[in-house]
Amino acid sequence: MSDGMQKILFDPMKYPEWVAPHSPEWYKQLFKEVGEYKYPWKSTFEWQWVVIV
């Protein structure tokens, strides 16, 4: 910020319903909301593209 003041952001861990990411509780909550594991994006690569990178 140009006036020298820092903006203080809300700490999400202080939210009453905070669940630590990748904890057993987090996975239980995810399963209740989604119901199954989903991998919605395509992650296959063509060989020529991999060589270029």
PDB file of N, CA and C in Angstrom:
ATOM      1  N   MET A   1       0.838  -1.183   0.000  1.00  0.00           N
ATOM      2  CA  MET A   1       0.000   0.000   0.000  1.00  0.00           C
ATOM      3  C   MET A   1       0.879   1.240   0.000  1.00  0.00           C
ATOM      4  N   SER A   2       0.433   2.227  -0.666  1.00  0.00           N
ATOM      5  CA  SER A   2       1.256   3.415  -0.816  1.00  0.00           C
ATOM      6  C   SER A   2       1.332   4.268   0.441  1.00  0.00           C
ATOM      7  N   ASP A   3       0.378   4.168   1.360  1.00  0.00           N
ATOM      8  CA  ASP A   3       0.395   5.007   2.562  1.00  0.00           C
ATOM      9  C   ASP A   3       1.214   4.395   3.696  1.00  0.00           C
ATOM     10  N   GLY A   4       1.900   3.291   3.447  1.00  0.00           N
ATOM     11  CA  GLY A   4       2.738   2.672   4.455  1.00  0.00           C
ATOM     12  C   GLY A   4       2.003   1.765   5.431  1.00  0.00           C
ATOM     13  N   MET A   5       0.693   1.657   5.300  1.00  0.00           N
ATOM     14  CA  MET A   5      -0.075   0.801   6.205  1.00  0.00           C
ATOM     15  C   MET A   5      -0.202  -0.590   5.608  1.00  0.00           C
ATOM     16  N   GLN A   6      -0.153  -1.570   6.461  1.00  0.00           N
ATOM     17  CA  GLN A   6      -0.329  -2.958   6.032  1.00  0.00           C
ATOM     18  C   GLN A   6      -1.766  -3.376   6.256  1.00  0.00           C
ATOM     19  N   LYS A   7      -2.314  -4.077   5.271  1.00  0.00           N
ATOM     20  CA  LYS A   7      -3.670  -4.604   5.421  1.00  0.00           C
ATOM     21  C   LYS A   7      -3.580  -5.943   6.147  1.00  0.00           C
ATOM     22  N   ILE A   8      -4.310  -6.083   7.233  1.00  0.00           N
ATOM     23  CA  ILE A   8      -4.306  -7.325   8.000  1.00  0.00           C
ATOM     24  C   ILE A   8      -5.415  -8.222   7.469  1.00  0.00           C
ATOM     25  N   LEU A   9      -5.043  -9.412   7.054  1.00  0.00           N
ATOM     26  CA  LEU A   9      -6.001 -10.361   6.511  1.00  0.00           C
ATOM     27  C   LEU A   9      -6.543 -11.252   7.625  1.00  0.00           C
ATOM     28  N   PHE A  10      -7.744 -11.743   7.431  1.00  0.00           N
ATOM     29  CA  PHE A  10      -8.373 -12.656   8.376  1.00  0.00           C
ATOM     30  C   PHE A  10      -7.638 -13.989   8.361  1.00  0.00           C
ATOM     31  N   ASP A  11      -7.326 -14.522   9.518  1.00  0.00           N
ATOM     32  CA  ASP A  11      -6.669 -15.821   9.630  1.00  0.00           C
ATOM     33  C   ASP A  11      -7.732 -16.906   9.510  1.00  0.00           C
ATOM     34  N   PRO A  12      -7.756 -17.685   8.416  1.00  0.00           N
ATOM     35  CA  PRO A  12      -8.805 -18.694   8.230  1.00  0.00           C
ATOM     36  C   PRO A  12      -8.806 -19.770   9.315  1.00  0.00           C
ATOM     37  N   MET A  13      -7.679 -19.969   9.994  1.00  0.00           N
ATOM     38  CA  MET A  13      -7.637 -20.982  11.045  1.00  0.00           C
ATOM     39  C   MET A  13      -8.434 -20.566  12.277  1.00  0.00           C
ATOM     40  N   LYS A  14      -8.820 -19.303  12.351  1.00  0.00           N
ATOM     41  CA  LYS A  14      -9.628 -18.831  13.473  1.00  0.00           C
ATOM     42  C   LYS A  14     -11.126 -18.935  13.178  1.00  0.00           C
ATOM     43  N   TYR A  15     -11.474 -19.338  11.974  1.00  0.00           N
ATOM     44  CA  TYR A  15     -12.872 -19.542  11.603  1.00  0.00           C
ATOM     45  C   TYR A  15     -13.401 -20.728  12.411  1.00  0.00           C
ATOM     46  N   PRO A  16     -14.590 -20.617  13.006  1.00  0.00           N
ATOM     47  CA  PRO A  16     -15.104 -21.686  13.888  1.00  0.00           C
ATOM     48  C   PRO A  16     -15.180 -23.072  13.236  1.00  0.00           C
ATOM     49  N   GLU A  17     -15.391 -23.120  11.935  1.00  0.00           N
ATOM     50  CA  GLU A  17     -15.534 -24.415  11.259  1.00  0.00           C
ATOM     51  C   GLU A  17     -14.278 -24.811  10.485  1.00  0.00           C
ATOM     52  N   TRP A  18     -13.148 -24.226  10.839  1.00  0.00           N
ATOM     53  CA  TRP A  18     -11.884 -24.519  10.149  1.00  0.00           C
ATOM     54  C   TRP A  18     -11.528 -25.989  10.286  1.00  0.00           C
ATOM     55  N   VAL A  19     -11.124 -26.588   9.169  1.00  0.00           N
ATOM     56  CA  VAL A  19     -10.642 -27.965   9.160  1.00  0.00           C
ATOM     57  C   VAL A  19      -9.278 -27.932   8.472  1.00  0.00           C
ATOM     58  N   ALA A  20      -8.273 -28.445   9.136  1.00  0.00           N
ATOM     59  CA  ALA A  20      -6.922 -28.430   8.563  1.00  0.00           C
ATOM     60  C   ALA A  20      -6.888 -29.209   7.255  1.00  0.00           C
ATOM     61  N   PRO A  21      -6.291 -28.631   6.215  1.00  0.00           N
ATOM     62  CA  PRO A  21      -6.229 -29.320   4.921  1.00  0.00           C
ATOM     63  C   PRO A  21      -5.504 -30.661   5.018  1.00  0.00           C
ATOM     64  N   HIS A  22      -6.029 -31.629   4.320  1.00  0.00           N
ATOM     65  CA  HIS A  22      -5.471 -32.979   4.210  1.00  0.00           C
ATOM     66  C   HIS A  22      -5.422 -33.729   5.537  1.00  0.00           C
ATOM     67  N   SER A  23      -6.199 -33.283   6.496  1.00  0.00           N
ATOM     68  CA  SER A  23      -6.328 -34.027   7.757  1.00  0.00           C
ATOM     69  C   SER A  23      -7.421 -35.080   7.566  1.00  0.00           C
ATOM     70  N   PRO A  24      -7.489 -36.078   8.440  1.00  0.00           N
ATOM     71  CA  PRO A  24      -8.575 -37.068   8.324  1.00  0.00           C
ATOM     72  C   PRO A  24      -9.956 -36.405   8.323  1.00  0.00           C
ATOM     73  N   GLU A  25     -10.131 -35.368   9.140  1.00  0.00           N
ATOM     74  CA  GLU A  25     -11.417 -34.660   9.183  1.00  0.00           C
ATOM     75  C   GLU A  25     -11.716 -33.974   7.857  1.00  0.00           C
ATOM     76  N   TRP A  26     -10.673 -33.422   7.235  1.00  0.00           N
ATOM     77  CA  TRP A  26     -10.830 -32.735   5.944  1.00  0.00           C
ATOM     78  C   TRP A  26     -11.312 -33.723   4.880  1.00  0.00           C
ATOM     79  N   TYR A  27     -10.692 -34.915   4.854  1.00  0.00           N
ATOM     80  CA  TYR A  27     -11.106 -35.934   3.885  1.00  0.00           C
ATOM     81  C   TYR A  27     -12.525 -36.428   4.156  1.00  0.00           C
ATOM     82  N   LYS A  28     -12.916 -36.546   5.426  1.00  0.00           N
ATOM     83  CA  LYS A  28     -14.289 -36.953   5.752  1.00  0.00           C
ATOM     84  C   LYS A  28     -15.286 -35.917   5.253  1.00  0.00           C
ATOM     85  N   GLN A  29     -14.957 -34.642   5.458  1.00  0.00           N
ATOM     86  CA  GLN A  29     -15.837 -33.568   4.989  1.00  0.00           C
ATOM     87  C   GLN A  29     -15.912 -33.561   3.469  1.00  0.00           C
ATOM     88  N   LEU A  30     -14.784 -33.748   2.810  1.00  0.00           N
ATOM     89  CA  LEU A  30     -14.754 -33.793   1.351  1.00  0.00           C
ATOM     90  C   LEU A  30     -15.619 -34.933   0.825  1.00  0.00           C
ATOM     91  N   PHE A  31     -15.528 -36.100   1.447  1.00  0.00           N
ATOM     92  CA  PHE A  31     -16.315 -37.248   1.022  1.00  0.00           C
ATOM     93  C   PHE A  31     -17.808 -36.975   1.191  1.00  0.00           C
ATOM     94  N   LYS A  32     -18.181 -36.320   2.299  1.00  0.00           N
ATOM     95  CA  LYS A  32     -19.600 -35.998   2.518  1.00  0.00           C
ATOM     96  C   LYS A  32     -20.112 -35.038   1.450  1.00  0.00           C
ATOM     97  N   GLU A  33     -19.278 -34.107   1.021  1.00  0.00           N
ATOM     98  CA  GLU A  33     -19.706 -33.117   0.038  1.00  0.00           C
ATOM     99  C   GLU A  33     -19.676 -33.649  -1.388  1.00  0.00           C
ATOM    100  N   VAL A  34     -18.668 -34.456  -1.718  1.00  0.00           N
ATOM    101  CA  VAL A  34     -18.480 -34.914  -3.095  1.00  0.00           C
ATOM    102  C   VAL A  34     -18.968 -36.343  -3.295  1.00  0.00           C
ATOM    103  N   GLY A  35     -18.751 -37.196  -2.299  1.00  0.00           N
ATOM    104  CA  GLY A  35     -19.236 -38.565  -2.368  1.00  0.00           C
ATOM    105  C   GLY A  35     -18.297 -39.551  -3.025  1.00  0.00           C
ATOM    106  N   GLU A  36     -17.318 -39.062  -3.756  1.00  0.00           N
ATOM    107  CA  GLU A  36     -16.373 -39.954  -4.413  1.00  0.00           C
ATOM    108  C   GLU A  36     -15.163 -39.144  -4.868  1.00  0.00           C
ATOM    109  N   TYR A  37     -14.101 -39.841  -5.198  1.00  0.00           N
ATOM    110  CA  TYR A  37     -12.907 -39.175  -5.708  1.00  0.00           C
ATOM    111  C   TYR A  37     -13.157 -38.804  -7.163  1.00  0.00           C
ATOM    112  N   LYS A  38     -12.864 -37.568  -7.519  1.00  0.00           N
ATOM    113  CA  LYS A  38     -13.022 -37.134  -8.903  1.00  0.00           C
ATOM    114  C   LYS A  38     -11.726 -36.513  -9.385  1.00  0.00           C
ATOM    115  N   TYR A  39     -11.388 -36.802 -10.610  1.00  0.00           N
ATOM    116  CA  TYR A  39     -10.195 -36.250 -11.255  1.00  0.00           C
ATOM    117  C   TYR A  39     -10.679 -35.680 -12.579  1.00  0.00           C
ATOM    118  N   PRO A  40     -11.215 -34.445 -12.583  1.00  0.00           N
ATOM    119  CA  PRO A  40     -11.917 -33.927 -13.749  1.00  0.00           C
ATOM    120  C   PRO A  40     -11.050 -33.401 -14.889  1.00  0.00           C
ATOM    121  N   TRP A  41      -9.758 -33.362 -14.730  1.00  0.00           N
ATOM    122  CA  TRP A  41      -8.947 -32.816 -15.799  1.00  0.00           C
ATOM    123  C   TRP A  41      -8.144 -33.903 -16.488  1.00  0.00           C
ATOM    124  N   LYS A  42      -7.802 -33.635 -17.731  1.00  0.00           N
ATOM    125  CA  LYS A  42      -7.038 -34.581 -18.523  1.00  0.00           C
ATOM    126  C   LYS A  42      -5.553 -34.343 -18.255  1.00  0.00           C
ATOM    127  N   SER A  43      -4.816 -35.391 -17.975  1.00  0.00           N
ATOM    128  CA  SER A  43      -3.408 -35.208 -17.657  1.00  0.00           C
ATOM    129  C   SER A  43      -2.499 -36.111 -18.491  1.00  0.00           C
ATOM    130  N   THR A  44      -2.912 -36.425 -19.687  1.00  0.00           N
ATOM    131  CA  THR A  44      -2.043 -37.193 -20.567  1.00  0.00           C
ATOM    132  C   THR A  44      -1.310 -36.223 -21.489  1.00  0.00           C
ATOM    133  N   PHE A  45      -0.118 -36.589 -21.866  1.00  0.00           N
ATOM    134  CA  PHE A  45       0.698 -35.710 -22.696  1.00  0.00           C
ATOM    135  C   PHE A  45       1.136 -36.451 -23.952  1.00  0.00           C
ATOM    136  N   GLU A  46       1.220 -35.705 -25.019  1.00  0.00           N
ATOM    137  CA  GLU A  46       1.780 -36.260 -26.246  1.00  0.00           C
ATOM    138  C   GLU A  46       3.298 -36.247 -26.110  1.00  0.00           C
ATOM    139  N   TRP A  47       3.960 -37.264 -26.600  1.00  0.00           N
ATOM    140  CA  TRP A  47       5.409 -37.380 -26.453  1.00  0.00           C
ATOM    141  C   TRP A  47       6.129 -36.151 -27.007  1.00  0.00           C
ATOM    142  N   GLN A  48       5.742 -35.647 -28.170  1.00  0.00           N
ATOM    143  CA  GLN A  48       6.428 -34.513 -28.769  1.00  0.00           C
ATOM    144  C   GLN A  48       6.365 -33.283 -27.865  1.00  0.00           C
ATOM    145  N   TRP A  49       5.237 -33.073 -27.201  1.00  0.00           N
ATOM    146  CA  TRP A  49       5.101 -31.920 -26.318  1.00  0.00           C
ATOM    147  C   TRP A  49       6.055 -32.041 -25.137  1.00  0.00           C
ATOM    148  N   VAL A  50       6.189 -33.233 -24.598  1.00  0.00           N
ATOM    149  CA  VAL A  50       7.077 -33.458 -23.451  1.00  0.00           C
ATOM    150  C   VAL A  50       8.523 -33.190 -23.853  1.00  0.00           C
ATOM    151  N   VAL A  51       8.908 -33.590 -25.034  1.00  0.00           N
ATOM    152  CA  VAL A  51      10.286 -33.372 -25.503  1.00  0.00           C
ATOM    153  C   VAL A  51      10.560 -31.888 -25.661  1.00  0.00           C
ATOM    154  N   ILE A  52       9.608 -31.123 -26.154  1.00  0.00           N
ATOM    155  CA  ILE A  52       9.786 -29.682 -26.349  1.00  0.00           C
ATOM    156  C   ILE A  52       9.994 -28.977 -25.017  1.00  0.00           C
ATOM    157  N   VAL A  53       9.272 -29.383 -24.004  1.00  0.00           N
ATOM    158  CA  VAL A  53       9.392 -28.746 -22.704  1.00  0.00           C
ATOM    159  C   VAL A  53      10.736 -29.078 -22.135  1.00  0.00           C
TER     160      VAL A  53
END
